[in-house]
Amino acid sequence: MFQDLLRMVIKVALASLVAGAIMTHFGITLETMMKFAGLTPDRLTELYQKGVAWALPNMLLGSLVIIPMWLLAALLRPPSRSSE
């Protein structure tokens, strides 16, 4: 399962690299895309900080419920038989 995830991440990274190289060849840069979208680096930083400020407390609060439930389910799960 981890190998499938890693393979997918590598494929996405390579596809992004190729797409970025093609876009750069045609004169499309990150700065032009941000200007087209009406964004600035300062605005992106602000949006990132707001996102983290919203997500982190909610993740911590949710983990107070999810982690004990996961641990309880793992402890109560019947032992699995090995297929040798």
PDB file of N, CA and C in Angstrom:
ATOM      1  N   MET A   1       0.823  -1.190   0.000  1.00  0.00           N
ATOM      2  CA  MET A   1       0.000   0.000   0.000  1.00  0.00           C
ATOM      3  C   MET A   1       0.872   1.261   0.000  1.00  0.00           C
ATOM      4  N   PHE A   2       1.942   1.249   0.819  1.00  0.00           N
ATOM      5  CA  PHE A   2       2.842   2.392   0.864  1.00  0.00           C
ATOM      6  C   PHE A   2       3.542   2.570  -0.477  1.00  0.00           C
ATOM      7  N   GLN A   3       3.862   1.438  -1.131  1.00  0.00           N
ATOM      8  CA  GLN A   3       4.517   1.512  -2.442  1.00  0.00           C
ATOM      9  C   GLN A   3       3.598   2.149  -3.471  1.00  0.00           C
ATOM     10  N   ASP A   4       2.310   1.837  -3.418  1.00  0.00           N
ATOM     11  CA  ASP A   4       1.348   2.440  -4.343  1.00  0.00           C
ATOM     12  C   ASP A   4       1.256   3.951  -4.125  1.00  0.00           C
ATOM     13  N   LEU A   5       1.225   4.357  -2.874  1.00  0.00           N
ATOM     14  CA  LEU A   5       1.168   5.787  -2.555  1.00  0.00           C
ATOM     15  C   LEU A   5       2.430   6.493  -3.035  1.00  0.00           C
ATOM     16  N   LEU A   6       3.587   5.882  -2.786  1.00  0.00           N
ATOM     17  CA  LEU A   6       4.850   6.471  -3.215  1.00  0.00           C
ATOM     18  C   LEU A   6       4.921   6.560  -4.732  1.00  0.00           C
ATOM     19  N   ARG A   7       4.477   5.526  -5.412  1.00  0.00           N
ATOM     20  CA  ARG A   7       4.460   5.529  -6.878  1.00  0.00           C
ATOM     21  C   ARG A   7       3.561   6.646  -7.407  1.00  0.00           C
ATOM     22  N   MET A   8       2.406   6.836  -6.792  1.00  0.00           N
ATOM     23  CA  MET A   8       1.492   7.890  -7.212  1.00  0.00           C
ATOM     24  C   MET A   8       2.097   9.266  -6.988  1.00  0.00           C
ATOM     25  N   VAL A   9       2.760   9.464  -5.841  1.00  0.00           N
ATOM     26  CA  VAL A   9       3.394  10.745  -5.535  1.00  0.00           C
ATOM     27  C   VAL A   9       4.497  11.040  -6.555  1.00  0.00           C
ATOM     28  N   ILE A  10       5.279  10.051  -6.910  1.00  0.00           N
ATOM     29  CA  ILE A  10       6.336  10.236  -7.908  1.00  0.00           C
ATOM     30  C   ILE A  10       5.747  10.592  -9.266  1.00  0.00           C
ATOM     31  N   LYS A  11       4.675   9.924  -9.664  1.00  0.00           N
ATOM     32  CA  LYS A  11       4.035  10.227 -10.945  1.00  0.00           C
ATOM     33  C   LYS A  11       3.491  11.651 -10.974  1.00  0.00           C
ATOM     34  N   VAL A  12       2.859  12.074  -9.884  1.00  0.00           N
ATOM     35  CA  VAL A  12       2.323  13.440  -9.825  1.00  0.00           C
ATOM     36  C   VAL A  12       3.458  14.452  -9.866  1.00  0.00           C
ATOM     37  N   ALA A  13       4.558  14.171  -9.160  1.00  0.00           N
ATOM     38  CA  ALA A  13       5.701  15.082  -9.156  1.00  0.00           C
ATOM     39  C   ALA A  13       6.302  15.201 -10.556  1.00  0.00           C
ATOM     40  N   LEU A  14       6.469  14.088 -11.253  1.00  0.00           N
ATOM     41  CA  LEU A  14       7.025  14.134 -12.605  1.00  0.00           C
ATOM     42  C   LEU A  14       6.087  14.841 -13.581  1.00  0.00           C
ATOM     43  N   ALA A  15       4.799  14.581 -13.478  1.00  0.00           N
ATOM     44  CA  ALA A  15       3.838  15.255 -14.351  1.00  0.00           C
ATOM     45  C   ALA A  15       3.834  16.756 -14.084  1.00  0.00           C
ATOM     46  N   SER A  16       3.952  17.155 -12.823  1.00  0.00           N
ATOM     47  CA  SER A  16       4.003  18.576 -12.481  1.00  0.00           C
ATOM     48  C   SER A  16       5.263  19.222 -13.038  1.00  0.00           C
ATOM     49  N   LEU A  17       6.365  18.508 -12.966  1.00  0.00           N
ATOM     50  CA  LEU A  17       7.622  19.019 -13.500  1.00  0.00           C
ATOM     51  C   LEU A  17       7.536  19.234 -15.005  1.00  0.00           C
ATOM     52  N   VAL A  18       6.988  18.274 -15.710  1.00  0.00           N
ATOM     53  CA  VAL A  18       6.845  18.385 -17.169  1.00  0.00           C
ATOM     54  C   VAL A  18       5.888  19.518 -17.514  1.00  0.00           C
ATOM     55  N   ALA A  19       4.756  19.599 -16.830  1.00  0.00           N
ATOM     56  CA  ALA A  19       3.788  20.667 -17.105  1.00  0.00           C
ATOM     57  C   ALA A  19       4.401  22.035 -16.822  1.00  0.00           C
ATOM     58  N   GLY A  20       5.162  22.157 -15.744  1.00  0.00           N
ATOM     59  CA  GLY A  20       5.818  23.416 -15.421  1.00  0.00           C
ATOM     60  C   GLY A  20       6.853  23.807 -16.460  1.00  0.00           C
ATOM     61  N   ALA A  21       7.603  22.833 -16.950  1.00  0.00           N
ATOM     62  CA  ALA A  21       8.602  23.117 -17.983  1.00  0.00           C
ATOM     63  C   ALA A  21       7.936  23.580 -19.275  1.00  0.00           C
ATOM     64  N   ILE A  22       6.833  22.953 -19.634  1.00  0.00           N
ATOM     65  CA  ILE A  22       6.105  23.354 -20.846  1.00  0.00           C
ATOM     66  C   ILE A  22       5.531  24.752 -20.686  1.00  0.00           C
ATOM     67  N   MET A  23       4.948  25.036 -19.530  1.00  0.00           N
ATOM     68  CA  MET A  23       4.384  26.366 -19.298  1.00  0.00           C
ATOM     69  C   MET A  23       5.468  27.436 -19.318  1.00  0.00           C
ATOM     70  N   THR A  24       6.629  27.144 -18.739  1.00  0.00           N
ATOM     71  CA  THR A  24       7.744  28.095 -18.749  1.00  0.00           C
ATOM     72  C   THR A  24       8.215  28.348 -20.178  1.00  0.00           C
ATOM     73  N   HIS A  25       8.217  27.320 -20.995  1.00  0.00           N
ATOM     74  CA  HIS A  25       8.612  27.469 -22.393  1.00  0.00           C
ATOM     75  C   HIS A  25       7.706  28.469 -23.117  1.00  0.00           C
ATOM     76  N   PHE A  26       6.441  28.485 -22.777  1.00  0.00           N
ATOM     77  CA  PHE A  26       5.484  29.403 -23.405  1.00  0.00           C
ATOM     78  C   PHE A  26       5.380  30.741 -22.665  1.00  0.00           C
ATOM     79  N   GLY A  27       6.249  30.991 -21.697  1.00  0.00           N
ATOM     80  CA  GLY A  27       6.290  32.278 -21.018  1.00  0.00           C
ATOM     81  C   GLY A  27       5.318  32.423 -19.872  1.00  0.00           C
ATOM     82  N   ILE A  28       4.735  31.336 -19.420  1.00  0.00           N
ATOM     83  CA  ILE A  28       3.808  31.380 -18.284  1.00  0.00           C
ATOM     84  C   ILE A  28       4.616  31.090 -17.029  1.00  0.00           C
ATOM     85  N   THR A  29       4.696  32.052 -16.130  1.00  0.00           N
ATOM     86  CA  THR A  29       5.457  31.889 -14.898  1.00  0.00           C
ATOM     87  C   THR A  29       4.531  31.944 -13.700  1.00  0.00           C
ATOM     88  N   LEU A  30       5.088  31.625 -12.550  1.00  0.00           N
ATOM     89  CA  LEU A  30       4.305  31.683 -11.317  1.00  0.00           C
ATOM     90  C   LEU A  30       3.822  33.103 -11.047  1.00  0.00           C
ATOM     91  N   GLU A  31       4.688  34.073 -11.305  1.00  0.00           N
ATOM     92  CA  GLU A  31       4.319  35.471 -11.070  1.00  0.00           C
ATOM     93  C   GLU A  31       3.151  35.898 -11.961  1.00  0.00           C
ATOM     94  N   THR A  32       3.165  35.491 -13.241  1.00  0.00           N
ATOM     95  CA  THR A  32       2.066  35.873 -14.126  1.00  0.00           C
ATOM     96  C   THR A  32       0.768  35.179 -13.722  1.00  0.00           C
ATOM     97  N   MET A  33       0.866  33.941 -13.280  1.00  0.00           N
ATOM     98  CA  MET A  33      -0.337  33.218 -12.838  1.00  0.00           C
ATOM     99  C   MET A  33      -0.915  33.859 -11.569  1.00  0.00           C
ATOM    100  N   MET A  34      -0.048  34.257 -10.650  1.00  0.00           N
ATOM    101  CA  MET A  34      -0.523  34.902  -9.423  1.00  0.00           C
ATOM    102  C   MET A  34      -1.148  36.251  -9.742  1.00  0.00           C
ATOM    103  N   LYS A  35      -0.529  36.993 -10.650  1.00  0.00           N
ATOM    104  CA  LYS A  35      -1.080  38.299 -11.021  1.00  0.00           C
ATOM    105  C   LYS A  35      -2.433  38.117 -11.706  1.00  0.00           C
ATOM    106  N   PHE A  36      -2.560  37.097 -12.550  1.00  0.00           N
ATOM    107  CA  PHE A  36      -3.822  36.806 -13.232  1.00  0.00           C
ATOM    108  C   PHE A  36      -4.920  36.468 -12.223  1.00  0.00           C
ATOM    109  N   ALA A  37      -4.540  35.749 -11.166  1.00  0.00           N
ATOM    110  CA  ALA A  37      -5.510  35.364 -10.140  1.00  0.00           C
ATOM    111  C   ALA A  37      -5.748  36.478  -9.124  1.00  0.00           C
ATOM    112  N   GLY A  38      -4.984  37.557  -9.213  1.00  0.00           N
ATOM    113  CA  GLY A  38      -5.156  38.664  -8.286  1.00  0.00           C
ATOM    114  C   GLY A  38      -4.554  38.403  -6.920  1.00  0.00           C
ATOM    115  N   LEU A  39      -3.496  37.603  -6.876  1.00  0.00           N
ATOM    116  CA  LEU A  39      -2.860  37.270  -5.603  1.00  0.00           C
ATOM    117  C   LEU A  39      -1.467  37.881  -5.524  1.00  0.00           C
ATOM    118  N   THR A  40      -1.031  38.094  -4.313  1.00  0.00           N
ATOM    119  CA  THR A  40       0.330  38.548  -4.053  1.00  0.00           C
ATOM    120  C   THR A  40       0.972  37.560  -3.080  1.00  0.00           C
ATOM    121  N   PRO A  41       2.291  37.545  -2.995  1.00  0.00           N
ATOM    122  CA  PRO A  41       2.928  36.657  -2.008  1.00  0.00           C
ATOM    123  C   PRO A  41       2.472  36.944  -0.576  1.00  0.00           C
ATOM    124  N   ASP A  42       2.252  38.229  -0.264  1.00  0.00           N
ATOM    125  CA  ASP A  42       1.768  38.569   1.076  1.00  0.00           C
ATOM    126  C   ASP A  42       0.370  38.004   1.329  1.00  0.00           C
ATOM    127  N   ARG A  43      -0.490  38.081   0.320  1.00  0.00           N
ATOM    128  CA  ARG A  43      -1.854  37.558   0.459  1.00  0.00           C
ATOM    129  C   ARG A  43      -1.831  36.037   0.618  1.00  0.00           C
ATOM    130  N   LEU A  44      -0.952  35.354  -0.128  1.00  0.00           N
ATOM    131  CA  LEU A  44      -0.834  33.901   0.013  1.00  0.00           C
ATOM    132  C   LEU A  44      -0.354  33.526   1.411  1.00  0.00           C
ATOM    133  N   THR A  45       0.596  34.285   1.937  1.00  0.00           N
ATOM    134  CA  THR A  45       1.083  34.037   3.294  1.00  0.00           C
ATOM    135  C   THR A  45      -0.044  34.234   4.308  1.00  0.00           C
ATOM    136  N   GLU A  46      -0.830  35.274   4.115  1.00  0.00           N
ATOM    137  CA  GLU A  46      -1.950  35.535   5.017  1.00  0.00           C
ATOM    138  C   GLU A  46      -2.981  34.404   4.953  1.00  0.00           C
ATOM    139  N   LEU A  47      -3.308  33.949   3.746  1.00  0.00           N
ATOM    140  CA  LEU A  47      -4.262  32.855   3.598  1.00  0.00           C
ATOM    141  C   LEU A  47      -3.736  31.573   4.232  1.00  0.00           C
ATOM    142  N   TYR A  48      -2.445  31.315   4.069  1.00  0.00           N
ATOM    143  CA  TYR A  48      -1.824  30.132   4.669  1.00  0.00           C
ATOM    144  C   TYR A  48      -1.924  30.197   6.195  1.00  0.00           C
ATOM    145  N   GLN A  49      -1.599  31.345   6.763  1.00  0.00           N
ATOM    146  CA  GLN A  49      -1.642  31.497   8.215  1.00  0.00           C
ATOM    147  C   GLN A  49      -3.061  31.349   8.750  1.00  0.00           C
ATOM    148  N   LYS A  50      -4.028  31.904   8.020  1.00  0.00           N
ATOM    149  CA  LYS A  50      -5.429  31.749   8.455  1.00  0.00           C
ATOM    150  C   LYS A  50      -5.861  30.291   8.378  1.00  0.00           C
ATOM    151  N   GLY A  51      -5.428  29.598   7.339  1.00  0.00           N
ATOM    152  CA  GLY A  51      -5.775  28.187   7.192  1.00  0.00           C
ATOM    153  C   GLY A  51      -5.200  27.338   8.311  1.00  0.00           C
ATOM    154  N   VAL A  52      -3.945  27.574   8.648  1.00  0.00           N
ATOM    155  CA  VAL A  52      -3.317  26.829   9.740  1.00  0.00           C
ATOM    156  C   VAL A  52      -3.984  27.179  11.067  1.00  0.00           C
ATOM    157  N   ALA A  53      -4.284  28.458  11.268  1.00  0.00           N
ATOM    158  CA  ALA A  53      -4.928  28.882  12.517  1.00  0.00           C
ATOM    159  C   ALA A  53      -6.311  28.248  12.671  1.00  0.00           C
ATOM    160  N   TRP A  54      -6.983  27.956  11.570  1.00  0.00           N
ATOM    161  CA  TRP A  54      -8.292  27.299  11.651  1.00  0.00           C
ATOM    162  C   TRP A  54      -8.141  25.786  11.787  1.00  0.00           C
ATOM    163  N   ALA A  55      -7.224  25.197  11.012  1.00  0.00           N
ATOM    164  CA  ALA A  55      -7.132  23.747  10.946  1.00  0.00           C
ATOM    165  C   ALA A  55      -6.487  23.125  12.182  1.00  0.00           C
ATOM    166  N   LEU A  56      -5.447  23.715  12.695  1.00  0.00           N
ATOM    167  CA  LEU A  56      -4.711  23.099  13.799  1.00  0.00           C
ATOM    168  C   LEU A  56      -5.566  22.864  15.044  1.00  0.00           C
ATOM    169  N   PRO A  57      -6.309  23.851  15.537  1.00  0.00           N
ATOM    170  CA  PRO A  57      -7.150  23.571  16.720  1.00  0.00           C
ATOM    171  C   PRO A  57      -8.215  22.502  16.442  1.00  0.00           C
ATOM    172  N   ASN A  58      -8.779  22.511  15.228  1.00  0.00           N
ATOM    173  CA  ASN A  58      -9.785  21.501  14.904  1.00  0.00           C
ATOM    174  C   ASN A  58      -9.177  20.109  14.802  1.00  0.00           C
ATOM    175  N   MET A  59      -7.964  20.016  14.266  1.00  0.00           N
ATOM    176  CA  MET A  59      -7.300  18.716  14.201  1.00  0.00           C
ATOM    177  C   MET A  59      -6.980  18.188  15.591  1.00  0.00           C
ATOM    178  N   LEU A  60      -6.489  19.065  16.452  1.00  0.00           N
ATOM    179  CA  LEU A  60      -6.180  18.638  17.817  1.00  0.00           C
ATOM    180  C   LEU A  60      -7.435  18.215  18.571  1.00  0.00           C
ATOM    181  N   LEU A  61      -8.512  18.960  18.414  1.00  0.00           N
ATOM    182  CA  LEU A  61      -9.768  18.615  19.072  1.00  0.00           C
ATOM    183  C   LEU A  61     -10.305  17.276  18.549  1.00  0.00           C
ATOM    184  N   GLY A  62     -10.268  17.093  17.261  1.00  0.00           N
ATOM    185  CA  GLY A  62     -10.731  15.835  16.684  1.00  0.00           C
ATOM    186  C   GLY A  62      -9.875  14.660  17.110  1.00  0.00           C
ATOM    187  N   SER A  63      -8.568  14.883  17.251  1.00  0.00           N
ATOM    188  CA  SER A  63      -7.687  13.782  17.651  1.00  0.00           C
ATOM    189  C   SER A  63      -7.970  13.317  19.076  1.00  0.00           C
ATOM    190  N   LEU A  64      -8.541  14.197  19.898  1.00  0.00           N
ATOM    191  CA  LEU A  64      -8.909  13.783  21.259  1.00  0.00           C
ATOM    192  C   LEU A  64     -10.017  12.737  21.249  1.00  0.00           C
ATOM    193  N   VAL A  65     -10.764  12.674  20.181  1.00  0.00           N
ATOM    194  CA  VAL A  65     -11.831  11.684  20.058  1.00  0.00           C
ATOM    195  C   VAL A  65     -11.371  10.497  19.207  1.00  0.00           C
ATOM    196  N   ILE A  66     -10.728  10.781  18.084  1.00  0.00           N
ATOM    197  CA  ILE A  66     -10.388   9.740  17.108  1.00  0.00           C
ATOM    198  C   ILE A  66      -9.306   8.794  17.628  1.00  0.00           C
ATOM    199  N   ILE A  67      -8.256   9.315  18.233  1.00  0.00           N
ATOM    200  CA  ILE A  67      -7.147   8.458  18.665  1.00  0.00           C
ATOM    201  C   ILE A  67      -7.578   7.450  19.729  1.00  0.00           C
ATOM    202  N   PRO A  68      -8.320   7.826  20.768  1.00  0.00           N
ATOM    203  CA  PRO A  68      -8.785   6.794  21.715  1.00  0.00           C
ATOM    204  C   PRO A  68      -9.713   5.762  21.060  1.00  0.00           C
ATOM    205  N   MET A  69     -10.568   6.208  20.132  1.00  0.00           N
ATOM    206  CA  MET A  69     -11.442   5.246  19.449  1.00  0.00           C
ATOM    207  C   MET A  69     -10.622   4.270  18.608  1.00  0.00           C
ATOM    208  N   TRP A  70      -9.609   4.775  17.915  1.00  0.00           N
ATOM    209  CA  TRP A  70      -8.751   3.917  17.102  1.00  0.00           C
ATOM    210  C   TRP A  70      -7.991   2.927  17.978  1.00  0.00           C
ATOM    211  N   LEU A  71      -7.472   3.426  19.093  1.00  0.00           N
ATOM    212  CA  LEU A  71      -6.732   2.564  20.008  1.00  0.00           C
ATOM    213  C   LEU A  71      -7.634   1.475  20.581  1.00  0.00           C
ATOM    214  N   LEU A  72      -8.843   1.836  20.963  1.00  0.00           N
ATOM    215  CA  LEU A  72      -9.789   0.855  21.496  1.00  0.00           C
ATOM    216  C   LEU A  72     -10.136  -0.188  20.435  1.00  0.00           C
ATOM    217  N   ALA A  73     -10.381   0.245  19.214  1.00  0.00           N
ATOM    218  CA  ALA A  73     -10.695  -0.694  18.134  1.00  0.00           C
ATOM    219  C   ALA A  73      -9.510  -1.613  17.861  1.00  0.00           C
ATOM    220  N   ALA A  74      -8.281  -1.091  17.919  1.00  0.00           N
ATOM    221  CA  ALA A  74      -7.101  -1.916  17.684  1.00  0.00           C
ATOM    222  C   ALA A  74      -6.921  -2.942  18.795  1.00  0.00           C
ATOM    223  N   LEU A  75      -7.224  -2.558  20.020  1.00  0.00           N
ATOM    224  CA  LEU A  75      -7.080  -3.488  21.139  1.00  0.00           C
ATOM    225  C   LEU A  75      -8.151  -4.571  21.129  1.00  0.00           C
ATOM    226  N   LEU A  76      -9.355  -4.236  20.662  1.00  0.00           N
ATOM    227  CA  LEU A  76     -10.455  -5.204  20.678  1.00  0.00           C
ATOM    228  C   LEU A  76     -10.538  -6.042  19.406  1.00  0.00           C
ATOM    229  N   ARG A  77      -9.725  -5.748  18.418  1.00  0.00           N
ATOM    230  CA  ARG A  77      -9.735  -6.502  17.176  1.00  0.00           C
ATOM    231  C   ARG A  77      -9.230  -7.908  17.434  1.00  0.00           C
ATOM    232  N   PRO A  78      -9.934  -8.918  16.890  1.00  0.00           N
ATOM    233  CA  PRO A  78      -9.467 -10.287  17.096  1.00  0.00           C
ATOM    234  C   PRO A  78      -8.123 -10.500  16.393  1.00  0.00           C
ATOM    235  N   PRO A  79      -7.294 -11.373  16.931  1.00  0.00           N
ATOM    236  CA  PRO A  79      -5.979 -11.607  16.303  1.00  0.00           C
ATOM    237  C   PRO A  79      -6.144 -12.189  14.903  1.00  0.00           C
ATOM    238  N   SER A  80      -5.314 -11.750  14.009  1.00  0.00           N
ATOM    239  CA  SER A  80      -5.395 -12.248  12.627  1.00  0.00           C
ATOM    240  C   SER A  80      -4.480 -13.464  12.477  1.00  0.00           C
ATOM    241  N   ARG A  81      -4.892 -14.354  11.576  1.00  0.00           N
ATOM    242  CA  ARG A  81      -4.097 -15.556  11.329  1.00  0.00           C
ATOM    243  C   ARG A  81      -3.116 -15.255  10.212  1.00  0.00           C
ATOM    244  N   SER A  82      -1.897 -15.696  10.397  1.00  0.00           N
ATOM    245  CA  SER A  82      -0.896 -15.495   9.358  1.00  0.00           C
ATOM    246  C   SER A  82      -1.084 -16.556   8.274  1.00  0.00           C
ATOM    247  N   SER A  83      -0.899 -16.163   7.026  1.00  0.00           N
ATOM    248  CA  SER A  83      -1.077 -17.092   5.916  1.00  0.00           C
ATOM    249  C   SER A  83       0.306 -17.565   5.458  1.00  0.00           C
ATOM    250  N   GLU A  84       0.758 -18.683   6.091  1.00  0.00           N
ATOM    251  CA  GLU A  84       2.076 -19.235   5.765  1.00  0.00           C
ATOM    252  C   GLU A  84       1.930 -20.463   4.944  1.00  0.00           C
TER     253      GLU A  84
END
